[in-house]
PDB file of N, CA and C in Angstrom:
ATOM      1  N   UNK A   1     -10.294  -3.216  -0.574  1.00  0.00           N
ATOM      2  CA  UNK A   1     -10.614  -3.872   0.674  1.00  0.00           C
ATOM      3  C   UNK A   1     -11.992  -3.404   1.126  1.00  0.00           C
ATOM      4  N   UNK A   2     -12.787  -4.305   1.612  1.00  0.00           N
ATOM      5  CA  UNK A   2     -14.108  -3.932   2.107  1.00  0.00           C
ATOM      6  C   UNK A   2     -14.014  -3.571   3.588  1.00  0.00           C
ATOM      7  N   UNK A   3     -15.093  -3.051   4.121  1.00  0.00           N
ATOM      8  CA  UNK A   3     -15.126  -2.703   5.547  1.00  0.00           C
ATOM      9  C   UNK A   3     -14.997  -3.943   6.418  1.00  0.00           C
ATOM     10  N   UNK A   4     -15.181  -5.130   5.837  1.00  0.00           N
ATOM     11  CA  UNK A   4     -15.102  -6.375   6.592  1.00  0.00           C
ATOM     12  C   UNK A   4     -13.700  -6.980   6.593  1.00  0.00           C
ATOM     13  N   UNK A   5     -12.756  -6.382   5.843  1.00  0.00           N
ATOM     14  CA  UNK A   5     -11.380  -6.867   5.806  1.00  0.00           C
ATOM     15  C   UNK A   5     -10.563  -6.229   6.917  1.00  0.00           C
ATOM     16  N   UNK A   6      -9.453  -6.882   7.264  1.00  0.00           N
ATOM     17  CA  UNK A   6      -8.468  -6.278   8.163  1.00  0.00           C
ATOM     18  C   UNK A   6      -7.629  -5.338   7.306  1.00  0.00           C
ATOM     19  N   UNK A   7      -7.355  -4.165   7.778  1.00  0.00           N
ATOM     20  CA  UNK A   7      -6.698  -3.156   6.956  1.00  0.00           C
ATOM     21  C   UNK A   7      -5.268  -2.854   7.373  1.00  0.00           C
ATOM     22  N   UNK A   8      -4.582  -3.868   7.900  1.00  0.00           N
ATOM     23  CA  UNK A   8      -3.160  -3.721   8.200  1.00  0.00           C
ATOM     24  C   UNK A   8      -2.402  -3.935   6.899  1.00  0.00           C
ATOM     25  N   UNK A   9      -1.483  -3.041   6.580  1.00  0.00           N
ATOM     26  CA  UNK A   9      -0.671  -3.147   5.379  1.00  0.00           C
ATOM     27  C   UNK A   9       0.742  -3.549   5.771  1.00  0.00           C
ATOM     28  N   UNK A  10       1.381  -4.361   4.915  1.00  0.00           N
ATOM     29  CA  UNK A  10       2.723  -4.865   5.199  1.00  0.00           C
ATOM     30  C   UNK A  10       3.697  -4.416   4.115  1.00  0.00           C
ATOM     31  N   UNK A  11       4.977  -4.357   4.456  1.00  0.00           N
ATOM     32  CA  UNK A  11       6.022  -4.020   3.488  1.00  0.00           C
ATOM     33  C   UNK A  11       6.166  -5.169   2.495  1.00  0.00           C
ATOM     34  N   UNK A  12       6.056  -4.871   1.225  1.00  0.00           N
ATOM     35  CA  UNK A  12       6.138  -5.888   0.180  1.00  0.00           C
ATOM     36  C   UNK A  12       7.562  -6.370  -0.046  1.00  0.00           C
ATOM     37  N   UNK A  13       8.528  -5.518   0.248  1.00  0.00           N
ATOM     38  CA  UNK A  13       9.944  -5.875   0.136  1.00  0.00           C
ATOM     39  C   UNK A  13      10.680  -5.295   1.340  1.00  0.00           C
ATOM     40  N   UNK A  14      11.877  -5.795   1.585  1.00  0.00           N
ATOM     41  CA  UNK A  14      12.731  -5.222   2.612  1.00  0.00           C
ATOM     42  C   UNK A  14      13.635  -4.171   1.998  1.00  0.00           C
ATOM     43  N   UNK A  15      14.089  -3.244   2.804  1.00  0.00           N
ATOM     44  CA  UNK A  15      14.992  -2.206   2.309  1.00  0.00           C
ATOM     45  C   UNK A  15      14.936  -0.970   3.182  1.00  0.00           C
ATOM     46  N   UNK A  16      15.088   0.172   2.550  1.00  0.00           N
ATOM     47  CA  UNK A  16      15.104   1.459   3.236  1.00  0.00           C
ATOM     48  C   UNK A  16      13.995   2.341   2.689  1.00  0.00           C
ATOM     49  N   UNK A  17      13.314   3.053   3.582  1.00  0.00           N
ATOM     50  CA  UNK A  17      12.271   3.985   3.165  1.00  0.00           C
ATOM     51  C   UNK A  17      12.959   5.200   2.542  1.00  0.00           C
ATOM     52  N   UNK A  18      12.729   5.394   1.240  1.00  0.00           N
ATOM     53  CA  UNK A  18      13.378   6.484   0.513  1.00  0.00           C
ATOM     54  C   UNK A  18      12.463   7.682   0.283  1.00  0.00           C
ATOM     55  N   UNK A  19      11.151   7.481   0.444  1.00  0.00           N
ATOM     56  CA  UNK A  19      10.210   8.581   0.192  1.00  0.00           C
ATOM     57  C   UNK A  19       8.935   8.318   0.958  1.00  0.00           C
ATOM     58  N   UNK A  20       8.411   9.340   1.595  1.00  0.00           N
ATOM     59  CA  UNK A  20       7.084   9.285   2.205  1.00  0.00           C
ATOM     60  C   UNK A  20       6.380  10.597   1.916  1.00  0.00           C
ATOM     61  N   UNK A  21       5.071  10.526   1.717  1.00  0.00           N
ATOM     62  CA  UNK A  21       4.304  11.727   1.468  1.00  0.00           C
ATOM     63  C   UNK A  21       2.854  11.474   1.862  1.00  0.00           C
ATOM     64  N   UNK A  22       2.304  12.338   2.679  1.00  0.00           N
ATOM     65  CA  UNK A  22       0.905  12.249   3.088  1.00  0.00           C
ATOM     66  C   UNK A  22       0.143  13.397   2.446  1.00  0.00           C
ATOM     67  N   UNK A  23      -1.022  13.105   1.874  1.00  0.00           N
ATOM     68  CA  UNK A  23      -1.872  14.140   1.275  1.00  0.00           C
ATOM     69  C   UNK A  23      -3.273  14.007   1.842  1.00  0.00           C
ATOM     70  N   UNK A  24      -3.793  15.041   2.467  1.00  0.00           N
ATOM     71  CA  UNK A  24      -5.204  15.004   2.860  1.00  0.00           C
ATOM     72  C   UNK A  24      -6.059  15.071   1.593  1.00  0.00           C
ATOM     73  N   UNK A  25      -7.288  14.681   1.690  1.00  0.00           N
ATOM     74  CA  UNK A  25      -8.133  14.744   0.502  1.00  0.00           C
ATOM     75  C   UNK A  25      -9.555  14.312   0.780  1.00  0.00           C
ATOM     76  N   UNK A  26     -10.248  13.987  -0.305  1.00  0.00           N
ATOM     77  CA  UNK A  26     -11.644  13.584  -0.242  1.00  0.00           C
ATOM     78  C   UNK A  26     -11.753  12.150   0.250  1.00  0.00           C
ATOM     79  N   UNK A  27     -12.971  11.681   0.331  1.00  0.00           N
ATOM     80  CA  UNK A  27     -13.233  10.299   0.715  1.00  0.00           C
ATOM     81  C   UNK A  27     -14.218   9.673  -0.271  1.00  0.00           C
ATOM     82  N   UNK A  28     -13.814   9.667  -1.561  1.00  0.00           N
ATOM     83  CA  UNK A  28     -14.613   8.988  -2.578  1.00  0.00           C
ATOM     84  C   UNK A  28     -14.551   7.486  -2.322  1.00  0.00           C
ATOM     85  N   UNK A  29     -15.479   6.716  -2.892  1.00  0.00           N
ATOM     86  CA  UNK A  29     -15.383   5.267  -2.769  1.00  0.00           C
ATOM     87  C   UNK A  29     -14.026   4.839  -3.320  1.00  0.00           C
ATOM     88  N   UNK A  30     -13.402   3.863  -2.683  1.00  0.00           N
ATOM     89  CA  UNK A  30     -12.021   3.492  -3.000  1.00  0.00           C
ATOM     90  C   UNK A  30     -11.837   3.006  -4.428  1.00  0.00           C
ATOM     91  N   UNK A  31     -12.875   2.412  -5.026  1.00  0.00           N
ATOM     92  CA  UNK A  31     -12.721   1.890  -6.388  1.00  0.00           C
ATOM     93  C   UNK A  31     -12.949   2.959  -7.454  1.00  0.00           C
ATOM     94  N   UNK A  32     -13.295   4.160  -7.056  1.00  0.00           N
ATOM     95  CA  UNK A  32     -13.477   5.258  -8.020  1.00  0.00           C
ATOM     96  C   UNK A  32     -12.132   5.579  -8.668  1.00  0.00           C
ATOM     97  N   UNK A  33     -12.097   5.739  -9.996  1.00  0.00           N
ATOM     98  CA  UNK A  33     -10.819   6.010 -10.678  1.00  0.00           C
ATOM     99  C   UNK A  33     -10.067   7.233 -10.143  1.00  0.00           C
ATOM    100  N   UNK A  34     -10.772   8.233  -9.666  1.00  0.00           N
ATOM    101  CA  UNK A  34     -10.127   9.451  -9.158  1.00  0.00           C
ATOM    102  C   UNK A  34      -9.652   9.321  -7.713  1.00  0.00           C
ATOM    103  N   UNK A  35     -10.002   8.209  -7.034  1.00  0.00           N
ATOM    104  CA  UNK A  35      -9.664   8.101  -5.613  1.00  0.00           C
ATOM    105  C   UNK A  35      -8.155   8.095  -5.366  1.00  0.00           C
ATOM    106  N   UNK A  36      -7.365   7.576  -6.316  1.00  0.00           N
ATOM    107  CA  UNK A  36      -5.912   7.527  -6.089  1.00  0.00           C
ATOM    108  C   UNK A  36      -5.254   8.901  -6.175  1.00  0.00           C
ATOM    109  N   UNK A  37      -5.955   9.893  -6.722  1.00  0.00           N
ATOM    110  CA  UNK A  37      -5.388  11.245  -6.763  1.00  0.00           C
ATOM    111  C   UNK A  37      -6.209  12.252  -5.953  1.00  0.00           C
ATOM    112  N   UNK A  38      -7.479  11.943  -5.671  1.00  0.00           N
ATOM    113  CA  UNK A  38      -8.342  12.896  -4.973  1.00  0.00           C
ATOM    114  C   UNK A  38      -8.513  12.587  -3.486  1.00  0.00           C
ATOM    115  N   UNK A  39      -8.419  11.316  -3.110  1.00  0.00           N
ATOM    116  CA  UNK A  39      -8.665  10.927  -1.720  1.00  0.00           C
ATOM    117  C   UNK A  39      -7.451  11.154  -0.826  1.00  0.00           C
ATOM    118  N   UNK A  40      -7.715  11.110   0.480  1.00  0.00           N
ATOM    119  CA  UNK A  40      -6.622  11.105   1.450  1.00  0.00           C
ATOM    120  C   UNK A  40      -5.731   9.911   1.139  1.00  0.00           C
ATOM    121  N   UNK A  41      -4.399  10.123   1.139  1.00  0.00           N
ATOM    122  CA  UNK A  41      -3.498   9.043   0.763  1.00  0.00           C
ATOM    123  C   UNK A  41      -2.107   9.251   1.353  1.00  0.00           C
ATOM    124  N   UNK A  42      -1.411   8.136   1.477  1.00  0.00           N
ATOM    125  CA  UNK A  42      -0.034   8.140   1.945  1.00  0.00           C
ATOM    126  C   UNK A  42       0.783   7.327   0.949  1.00  0.00           C
ATOM    127  N   UNK A  43       1.887   7.889   0.465  1.00  0.00           N
ATOM    128  CA  UNK A  43       2.735   7.221  -0.519  1.00  0.00           C
ATOM    129  C   UNK A  43       4.085   6.920   0.111  1.00  0.00           C
ATOM    130  N   UNK A  44       4.549   5.685  -0.092  1.00  0.00           N
ATOM    131  CA  UNK A  44       5.806   5.216   0.483  1.00  0.00           C
ATOM    132  C   UNK A  44       6.621   4.553  -0.614  1.00  0.00           C
ATOM    133  N   UNK A  45       7.912   4.852  -0.698  1.00  0.00           N
ATOM    134  CA  UNK A  45       8.806   4.162  -1.633  1.00  0.00           C
ATOM    135  C   UNK A  45       9.868   3.437  -0.813  1.00  0.00           C
ATOM    136  N   UNK A  46      10.013   2.127  -1.103  1.00  0.00           N
ATOM    137  CA  UNK A  46      11.025   1.312  -0.442  1.00  0.00           C
ATOM    138  C   UNK A  46      12.089   0.951  -1.473  1.00  0.00           C
ATOM    139  N   UNK A  47      13.353   1.176  -1.132  1.00  0.00           N
ATOM    140  CA  UNK A  47      14.477   0.796  -1.987  1.00  0.00           C
ATOM    141  C   UNK A  47      15.167  -0.405  -1.358  1.00  0.00           C
ATOM    142  N   UNK A  48      15.418  -1.446  -2.165  1.00  0.00           N
ATOM    143  CA  UNK A  48      16.048  -2.652  -1.607  1.00  0.00           C
ATOM    144  C   UNK A  48      17.576  -2.567  -1.587  1.00  0.00           C
ATOM    145  N   UNK A  49      18.166  -1.455  -2.024  1.00  0.00           N
ATOM    146  CA  UNK A  49      19.614  -1.287  -2.001  1.00  0.00           C
ATOM    147  C   UNK A  49      20.318  -1.906  -3.194  1.00  0.00           C
ATOM    148  N   UNK A  50      19.575  -2.561  -4.087  1.00  0.00           N
ATOM    149  CA  UNK A  50      20.148  -3.182  -5.283  1.00  0.00           C
ATOM    150  C   UNK A  50      19.587  -2.542  -6.549  1.00  0.00           C
ATOM    151  N   UNK A  51      19.151  -1.288  -6.424  1.00  0.00           N
ATOM    152  CA  UNK A  51      18.619  -0.567  -7.576  1.00  0.00           C
ATOM    153  C   UNK A  51      17.141  -0.784  -7.838  1.00  0.00           C
ATOM    154  N   UNK A  52      16.450  -1.482  -6.937  1.00  0.00           N
ATOM    155  CA  UNK A  52      15.025  -1.747  -7.113  1.00  0.00           C
ATOM    156  C   UNK A  52      14.233  -0.935  -6.102  1.00  0.00           C
ATOM    157  N   UNK A  53      13.226  -0.215  -6.594  1.00  0.00           N
ATOM    158  CA  UNK A  53      12.352   0.563  -5.719  1.00  0.00           C
ATOM    159  C   UNK A  53      10.909   0.164  -5.965  1.00  0.00           C
ATOM    160  N   UNK A  54      10.110   0.180  -4.905  1.00  0.00           N
ATOM    161  CA  UNK A  54       8.701  -0.195  -4.974  1.00  0.00           C
ATOM    162  C   UNK A  54       7.890   0.895  -4.310  1.00  0.00           C
ATOM    163  N   UNK A  55       6.798   1.323  -4.968  1.00  0.00           N
ATOM    164  CA  UNK A  55       5.939   2.343  -4.399  1.00  0.00           C
ATOM    165  C   UNK A  55       4.642   1.720  -3.925  1.00  0.00           C
ATOM    166  N   UNK A  56       4.236   2.074  -2.724  1.00  0.00           N
ATOM    167  CA  UNK A  56       2.984   1.608  -2.144  1.00  0.00           C
ATOM    168  C   UNK A  56       2.176   2.845  -1.775  1.00  0.00           C
ATOM    169  N   UNK A  57       0.890   2.854  -2.146  1.00  0.00           N
ATOM    170  CA  UNK A  57       0.042   3.996  -1.814  1.00  0.00           C
ATOM    171  C   UNK A  57      -1.173   3.506  -1.032  1.00  0.00           C
ATOM    172  N   UNK A  58      -1.308   3.997   0.188  1.00  0.00           N
ATOM    173  CA  UNK A  58      -2.488   3.720   1.006  1.00  0.00           C
ATOM    174  C   UNK A  58      -3.524   4.795   0.679  1.00  0.00           C
ATOM    175  N   UNK A  59      -4.752   4.374   0.385  1.00  0.00           N
ATOM    176  CA  UNK A  59      -5.788   5.319  -0.033  1.00  0.00           C
ATOM    177  C   UNK A  59      -7.022   5.132   0.828  1.00  0.00           C
ATOM    178  N   UNK A  60      -7.481   6.210   1.439  1.00  0.00           N
ATOM    179  CA  UNK A  60      -8.695   6.157   2.247  1.00  0.00           C
ATOM    180  C   UNK A  60      -9.906   6.022   1.344  1.00  0.00           C
ATOM    181  N   UNK A  61     -10.954   5.389   1.849  1.00  0.00           N
ATOM    182  CA  UNK A  61     -12.191   5.224   1.092  1.00  0.00           C
ATOM    183  C   UNK A  61     -13.308   6.055   1.684  1.00  0.00           C
ATOM    184  N   UNK A  62     -14.525   5.736   1.289  1.00  0.00           N
ATOM    185  CA  UNK A  62     -15.681   6.524   1.707  1.00  0.00           C
ATOM    186  C   UNK A  62     -15.923   6.445   3.215  1.00  0.00           C
ATOM    187  N   UNK A  63     -15.629   5.294   3.815  1.00  0.00           N
ATOM    188  CA  UNK A  63     -15.830   5.150   5.259  1.00  0.00           C
ATOM    189  C   UNK A  63     -14.550   5.438   6.035  1.00  0.00           C
ATOM    190  N   UNK A  64     -13.419   5.251   5.400  1.00  0.00           N
ATOM    191  CA  UNK A  64     -12.136   5.456   6.093  1.00  0.00           C
ATOM    192  C   UNK A  64     -11.909   6.935   6.325  1.00  0.00           C
ATOM    193  N   UNK A  65     -11.428   7.248   7.469  1.00  0.00           N
ATOM    194  CA  UNK A  65     -11.150   8.650   7.779  1.00  0.00           C
ATOM    195  C   UNK A  65      -9.740   8.840   8.313  1.00  0.00           C
ATOM    196  N   UNK A  66      -8.957   7.765   8.345  1.00  0.00           N
ATOM    197  CA  UNK A  66      -7.632   7.888   8.943  1.00  0.00           C
ATOM    198  C   UNK A  66      -6.676   6.867   8.363  1.00  0.00           C
ATOM    199  N   UNK A  67      -5.530   7.340   7.909  1.00  0.00           N
ATOM    200  CA  UNK A  67      -4.455   6.478   7.434  1.00  0.00           C
ATOM    201  C   UNK A  67      -3.299   6.617   8.420  1.00  0.00           C
ATOM    202  N   UNK A  68      -2.747   5.490   8.814  1.00  0.00           N
ATOM    203  CA  UNK A  68      -1.585   5.494   9.696  1.00  0.00           C
ATOM    204  C   UNK A  68      -0.449   4.803   8.955  1.00  0.00           C
ATOM    205  N   UNK A  69       0.701   5.471   8.864  1.00  0.00           N
ATOM    206  CA  UNK A  69       1.884   4.898   8.223  1.00  0.00           C
ATOM    207  C   UNK A  69       3.003   4.910   9.258  1.00  0.00           C
ATOM    208  N   UNK A  70       3.525   3.721   9.565  1.00  0.00           N
ATOM    209  CA  UNK A  70       4.508   3.599  10.647  1.00  0.00           C
ATOM    210  C   UNK A  70       5.924   4.055  10.279  1.00  0.00           C
ATOM    211  N   UNK A  71       6.530   3.549   9.184  1.00  0.00           N
ATOM    212  CA  UNK A  71       7.930   3.925   8.939  1.00  0.00           C
ATOM    213  C   UNK A  71       8.066   5.379   8.492  1.00  0.00           C
ATOM    214  N   UNK A  72       9.235   5.929   8.766  1.00  0.00           N
ATOM    215  CA  UNK A  72       9.562   7.281   8.330  1.00  0.00           C
ATOM    216  C   UNK A  72      10.790   7.222   7.430  1.00  0.00           C
ATOM    217  N   UNK A  73      11.102   8.341   6.816  1.00  0.00           N
ATOM    218  CA  UNK A  73      12.220   8.436   5.885  1.00  0.00           C
ATOM    219  C   UNK A  73      13.494   7.840   6.495  1.00  0.00           C
ATOM    220  N   UNK A  74      14.183   7.019   5.713  1.00  0.00           N
ATOM    221  CA  UNK A  74      15.445   6.359   6.057  1.00  0.00           C
ATOM    222  C   UNK A  74      15.325   5.197   7.037  1.00  0.00           C
ATOM    223  N   UNK A  75      14.105   4.836   7.439  1.00  0.00           N
ATOM    224  CA  UNK A  75      13.933   3.647   8.278  1.00  0.00           C
ATOM    225  C   UNK A  75      14.295   2.399   7.475  1.00  0.00           C
ATOM    226  N   UNK A  76      14.897   1.425   8.132  1.00  0.00           N
ATOM    227  CA  UNK A  76      15.134   0.115   7.529  1.00  0.00           C
ATOM    228  C   UNK A  76      13.915  -0.748   7.825  1.00  0.00           C
ATOM    229  N   UNK A  77      13.401  -1.444   6.798  1.00  0.00           N
ATOM    230  CA  UNK A  77      12.245  -2.318   6.964  1.00  0.00           C
ATOM    231  C   UNK A  77      12.572  -3.693   6.400  1.00  0.00           C
ATOM    232  N   UNK A  78      11.894  -4.686   6.909  1.00  0.00           N
ATOM    233  CA  UNK A  78      12.033  -6.065   6.451  1.00  0.00           C
ATOM    234  C   UNK A  78      10.740  -6.455   5.750  1.00  0.00           C
ATOM    235  N   UNK A  79      10.843  -7.271   4.713  1.00  0.00           N
ATOM    236  CA  UNK A  79       9.654  -7.749   4.029  1.00  0.00           C
ATOM    237  C   UNK A  79       8.717  -8.366   5.063  1.00  0.00           C
ATOM    238  N   UNK A  80       7.463  -7.955   5.042  1.00  0.00           N
ATOM    239  CA  UNK A  80       6.473  -8.458   5.983  1.00  0.00           C
ATOM    240  C   UNK A  80       6.244  -7.566   7.188  1.00  0.00           C
ATOM    241  N   UNK A  81       7.143  -6.602   7.442  1.00  0.00           N
ATOM    242  CA  UNK A  81       6.922  -5.664   8.546  1.00  0.00           C
ATOM    243  C   UNK A  81       5.614  -4.916   8.329  1.00  0.00           C
ATOM    244  N   UNK A  82       4.984  -4.517   9.423  1.00  0.00           N
ATOM    245  CA  UNK A  82       3.776  -3.709   9.286  1.00  0.00           C
ATOM    246  C   UNK A  82       4.138  -2.335   8.743  1.00  0.00           C
ATOM    247  N   UNK A  83       3.482  -1.976   7.650  1.00  0.00           N
ATOM    248  CA  UNK A  83       3.694  -0.680   7.007  1.00  0.00           C
ATOM    249  C   UNK A  83       2.760   0.360   7.608  1.00  0.00           C
ATOM    250  N   UNK A  84       1.544  -0.050   7.869  1.00  0.00           N
ATOM    251  CA  UNK A  84       0.580   0.890   8.409  1.00  0.00           C
ATOM    252  C   UNK A  84      -0.789   0.271   8.517  1.00  0.00           C
ATOM    253  N   UNK A  85      -1.764   1.142   8.654  1.00  0.00           N
ATOM    254  CA  UNK A  85      -3.128   0.718   8.928  1.00  0.00           C
ATOM    255  C   UNK A  85      -4.067   1.743   8.308  1.00  0.00           C
ATOM    256  N   UNK A  86      -5.153   1.269   7.711  1.00  0.00           N
ATOM    257  CA  UNK A  86      -6.183   2.159   7.192  1.00  0.00           C
ATOM    258  C   UNK A  86      -7.481   1.780   7.887  1.00  0.00           C
ATOM    259  N   UNK A  87      -8.095   2.728   8.550  1.00  0.00           N
ATOM    260  CA  UNK A  87      -9.298   2.419   9.320  1.00  0.00           C
ATOM    261  C   UNK A  87     -10.517   2.336   8.401  1.00  0.00           C
ATOM    262  N   UNK A  88     -11.244   1.244   8.481  1.00  0.00           N
ATOM    263  CA  UNK A  88     -12.477   0.959   7.747  1.00  0.00           C
ATOM    264  C   UNK A  88     -12.196   0.736   6.259  1.00  0.00           C
ATOM    265  N   UNK A  89     -13.182   0.971   5.375  1.00  0.00           N
ATOM    266  CA  UNK A  89     -13.029   0.689   3.939  1.00  0.00           C
ATOM    267  C   UNK A  89     -11.889   1.481   3.330  1.00  0.00           C
ATOM    268  N   UNK A  90     -11.105   0.838   2.469  1.00  0.00           N
ATOM    269  CA  UNK A  90      -9.916   1.496   1.960  1.00  0.00           C
ATOM    270  C   UNK A  90      -9.378   0.785   0.735  1.00  0.00           C
ATOM    271  N   UNK A  91      -8.210   1.245   0.285  1.00  0.00           N
ATOM    272  CA  UNK A  91      -7.575   0.690  -0.909  1.00  0.00           C
ATOM    273  C   UNK A  91      -6.071   0.845  -0.774  1.00  0.00           C
ATOM    274  N   UNK A  92      -5.333  -0.114  -1.323  1.00  0.00           N
ATOM    275  CA  UNK A  92      -3.873  -0.009  -1.396  1.00  0.00           C
ATOM    276  C   UNK A  92      -3.471  -0.267  -2.830  1.00  0.00           C
ATOM    277  N   UNK A  93      -2.715   0.639  -3.427  1.00  0.00           N
ATOM    278  CA  UNK A  93      -2.153   0.445  -4.762  1.00  0.00           C
ATOM    279  C   UNK A  93      -0.709   0.014  -4.599  1.00  0.00           C
ATOM    280  N   UNK A  94      -0.338  -1.031  -5.302  1.00  0.00           N
ATOM    281  CA  UNK A  94       1.030  -1.527  -5.300  1.00  0.00           C
ATOM    282  C   UNK A  94       1.547  -1.359  -6.717  1.00  0.00           C
ATOM    283  N   UNK A  95       2.486  -0.457  -6.928  1.00  0.00           N
ATOM    284  CA  UNK A  95       3.000  -0.179  -8.261  1.00  0.00           C
ATOM    285  C   UNK A  95       4.231  -1.037  -8.493  1.00  0.00           C
ATOM    286  N   UNK A  96       4.127  -1.955  -9.435  1.00  0.00           N
ATOM    287  CA  UNK A  96       5.175  -2.940  -9.713  1.00  0.00           C
ATOM    288  C   UNK A  96       5.924  -2.584 -10.992  1.00  0.00           C
ATOM    289  N   UNK A  97       7.177  -3.029 -11.105  1.00  0.00           N
ATOM    290  CA  UNK A  97       7.904  -2.836 -12.369  1.00  0.00           C
ATOM    291  C   UNK A  97       7.197  -3.595 -13.499  1.00  0.00           C
ATOM    292  N   UNK A  98       7.350  -3.130 -14.721  1.00  0.00           N
ATOM    293  CA  UNK A  98       6.683  -3.745 -15.874  1.00  0.00           C
ATOM    294  C   UNK A  98       7.062  -5.207 -16.065  1.00  0.00           C
ATOM    295  N   UNK A  99       8.258  -5.594 -15.670  1.00  0.00           N
ATOM    296  CA  UNK A  99       8.700  -6.974 -15.878  1.00  0.00           C
ATOM    297  C   UNK A  99       8.196  -7.939 -14.797  1.00  0.00           C
ATOM    298  N   UNK A 100       7.416  -7.448 -13.839  1.00  0.00           N
ATOM    299  CA  UNK A 100       6.894  -8.306 -12.774  1.00  0.00           C
ATOM    300  C   UNK A 100       5.875  -9.294 -13.336  1.00  0.00           C
ATOM    301  N   UNK A 101       5.794 -10.455 -12.688  1.00  0.00           N
ATOM    302  CA  UNK A 101       4.793 -11.456 -13.065  1.00  0.00           C
ATOM    303  C   UNK A 101       3.786 -11.546 -11.926  1.00  0.00           C
ATOM    304  N   UNK A 102       2.580 -11.050 -12.175  1.00  0.00           N
ATOM    305  CA  UNK A 102       1.523 -11.064 -11.168  1.00  0.00           C
ATOM    306  C   UNK A 102       1.019 -12.498 -11.028  1.00  0.00           C
ATOM    307  N   UNK A 103       0.950 -12.990  -9.789  1.00  0.00           N
ATOM    308  CA  UNK A 103       0.558 -14.382  -9.560  1.00  0.00           C
ATOM    309  C   UNK A 103      -0.809 -14.522  -8.886  1.00  0.00           C
ATOM    310  N   UNK A 104      -1.448 -13.418  -8.533  1.00  0.00           N
ATOM    311  CA  UNK A 104      -2.809 -13.490  -7.996  1.00  0.00           C
ATOM    312  C   UNK A 104      -3.797 -13.323  -9.144  1.00  0.00           C
ATOM    313  N   UNK A 105      -5.008 -13.777  -8.924  1.00  0.00           N
ATOM    314  CA  UNK A 105      -6.062 -13.663  -9.926  1.00  0.00           C
ATOM    315  C   UNK A 105      -6.992 -12.512  -9.596  1.00  0.00           C
ATOM    316  N   UNK A 106      -7.650 -11.989 -10.601  1.00  0.00           N
ATOM    317  CA  UNK A 106      -8.639 -10.937 -10.428  1.00  0.00           C
ATOM    318  C   UNK A 106      -9.717 -11.428  -9.467  1.00  0.00           C
ATOM    319  N   UNK A 107     -10.068 -10.616  -8.494  1.00  0.00           N
ATOM    320  CA  UNK A 107     -11.088 -10.904  -7.479  1.00  0.00           C
ATOM    321  C   UNK A 107     -10.668 -11.978  -6.474  1.00  0.00           C
ATOM    322  N   UNK A 108      -9.402 -12.381  -6.485  1.00  0.00           N
ATOM    323  CA  UNK A 108      -8.934 -13.360  -5.505  1.00  0.00           C
ATOM    324  C   UNK A 108      -8.879 -12.704  -4.136  1.00  0.00           C
ATOM    325  N   UNK A 109      -9.322 -13.389  -3.114  1.00  0.00           N
ATOM    326  CA  UNK A 109      -9.237 -12.903  -1.750  1.00  0.00           C
ATOM    327  C   UNK A 109      -7.832 -13.200  -1.234  1.00  0.00           C
ATOM    328  N   UNK A 110      -7.070 -12.161  -0.921  1.00  0.00           N
ATOM    329  CA  UNK A 110      -5.696 -12.339  -0.480  1.00  0.00           C
ATOM    330  C   UNK A 110      -5.594 -12.112   1.024  1.00  0.00           C
ATOM    331  N   UNK A 111      -4.564 -12.663   1.619  1.00  0.00           N
ATOM    332  CA  UNK A 111      -4.339 -12.522   3.052  1.00  0.00           C
ATOM    333  C   UNK A 111      -3.036 -11.763   3.266  1.00  0.00           C
ATOM    334  N   UNK A 112      -3.091 -10.690   4.059  1.00  0.00           N
ATOM    335  CA  UNK A 112      -1.939  -9.857   4.339  1.00  0.00           C
ATOM    336  C   UNK A 112      -0.777 -10.644   4.914  1.00  0.00           C
ATOM    337  N   UNK A 113       0.403 -10.415   4.364  1.00  0.00           N
ATOM    338  CA  UNK A 113       1.647 -11.028   4.821  1.00  0.00           C
ATOM    339  C   UNK A 113       1.668 -12.547   4.609  1.00  0.00           C
ATOM    340  N   UNK A 114       0.743 -13.056   3.780  1.00  0.00           N
ATOM    341  CA  UNK A 114       0.689 -14.492   3.486  1.00  0.00           C
ATOM    342  C   UNK A 114       0.647 -14.754   1.975  1.00  0.00           C
ATOM    343  N   UNK A 115      -0.199 -14.011   1.243  1.00  0.00           N
ATOM    344  CA  UNK A 115      -0.390 -14.238  -0.181  1.00  0.00           C
ATOM    345  C   UNK A 115       0.704 -13.528  -0.974  1.00  0.00           C
ATOM    346  N   UNK A 116       1.348 -14.261  -1.884  1.00  0.00           N
ATOM    347  CA  UNK A 116       2.320 -13.649  -2.797  1.00  0.00           C
ATOM    348  C   UNK A 116       1.525 -12.943  -3.901  1.00  0.00           C
ATOM    349  N   UNK A 117       1.803 -11.673  -4.100  1.00  0.00           N
ATOM    350  CA  UNK A 117       1.100 -10.872  -5.101  1.00  0.00           C
ATOM    351  C   UNK A 117       1.780 -11.009  -6.463  1.00  0.00           C
ATOM    352  N   UNK A 118       3.101 -10.876  -6.489  1.00  0.00           N
ATOM    353  CA  UNK A 118       3.839 -10.896  -7.769  1.00  0.00           C
ATOM    354  C   UNK A 118       5.254 -11.402  -7.534  1.00  0.00           C
ATOM    355  N   UNK A 119       5.853 -11.870  -8.613  1.00  0.00           N
ATOM    356  CA  UNK A 119       7.262 -12.248  -8.604  1.00  0.00           C
ATOM    357  C   UNK A 119       8.020 -11.221  -9.425  1.00  0.00           C
ATOM    358  N   UNK A 120       9.106 -10.743  -8.872  1.00  0.00           N
ATOM    359  CA  UNK A 120       9.856  -9.667  -9.529  1.00  0.00           C
ATOM    360  C   UNK A 120      11.180 -10.228 -10.031  1.00  0.00           C
TER     361      UNK A 120
END
């Protein structure tokens, strides 16, 4: 996401928050390969109650200095609920199961809570 994008993140699936973890860190540019392990980040796992879990990682970028994650452990969430917010330039990694079919294209401009990313 660029500094010109809205940085509200939404829950990709509905379910229960099974894991949360916040790590302070550096503020490398978000597209740097090491940013997902070196930068400030928040990791969330949502379980849909049918044996499917999805991990979402909010990653701060060079301009971002603050990650906000709304749900806490054991919260119930609905697909589309606001997950959190990353101030200024940032990145979100969505880790999908191998059998997922990604339906967005490389460099496609997506809209939060509107664009379907993948079919599971």
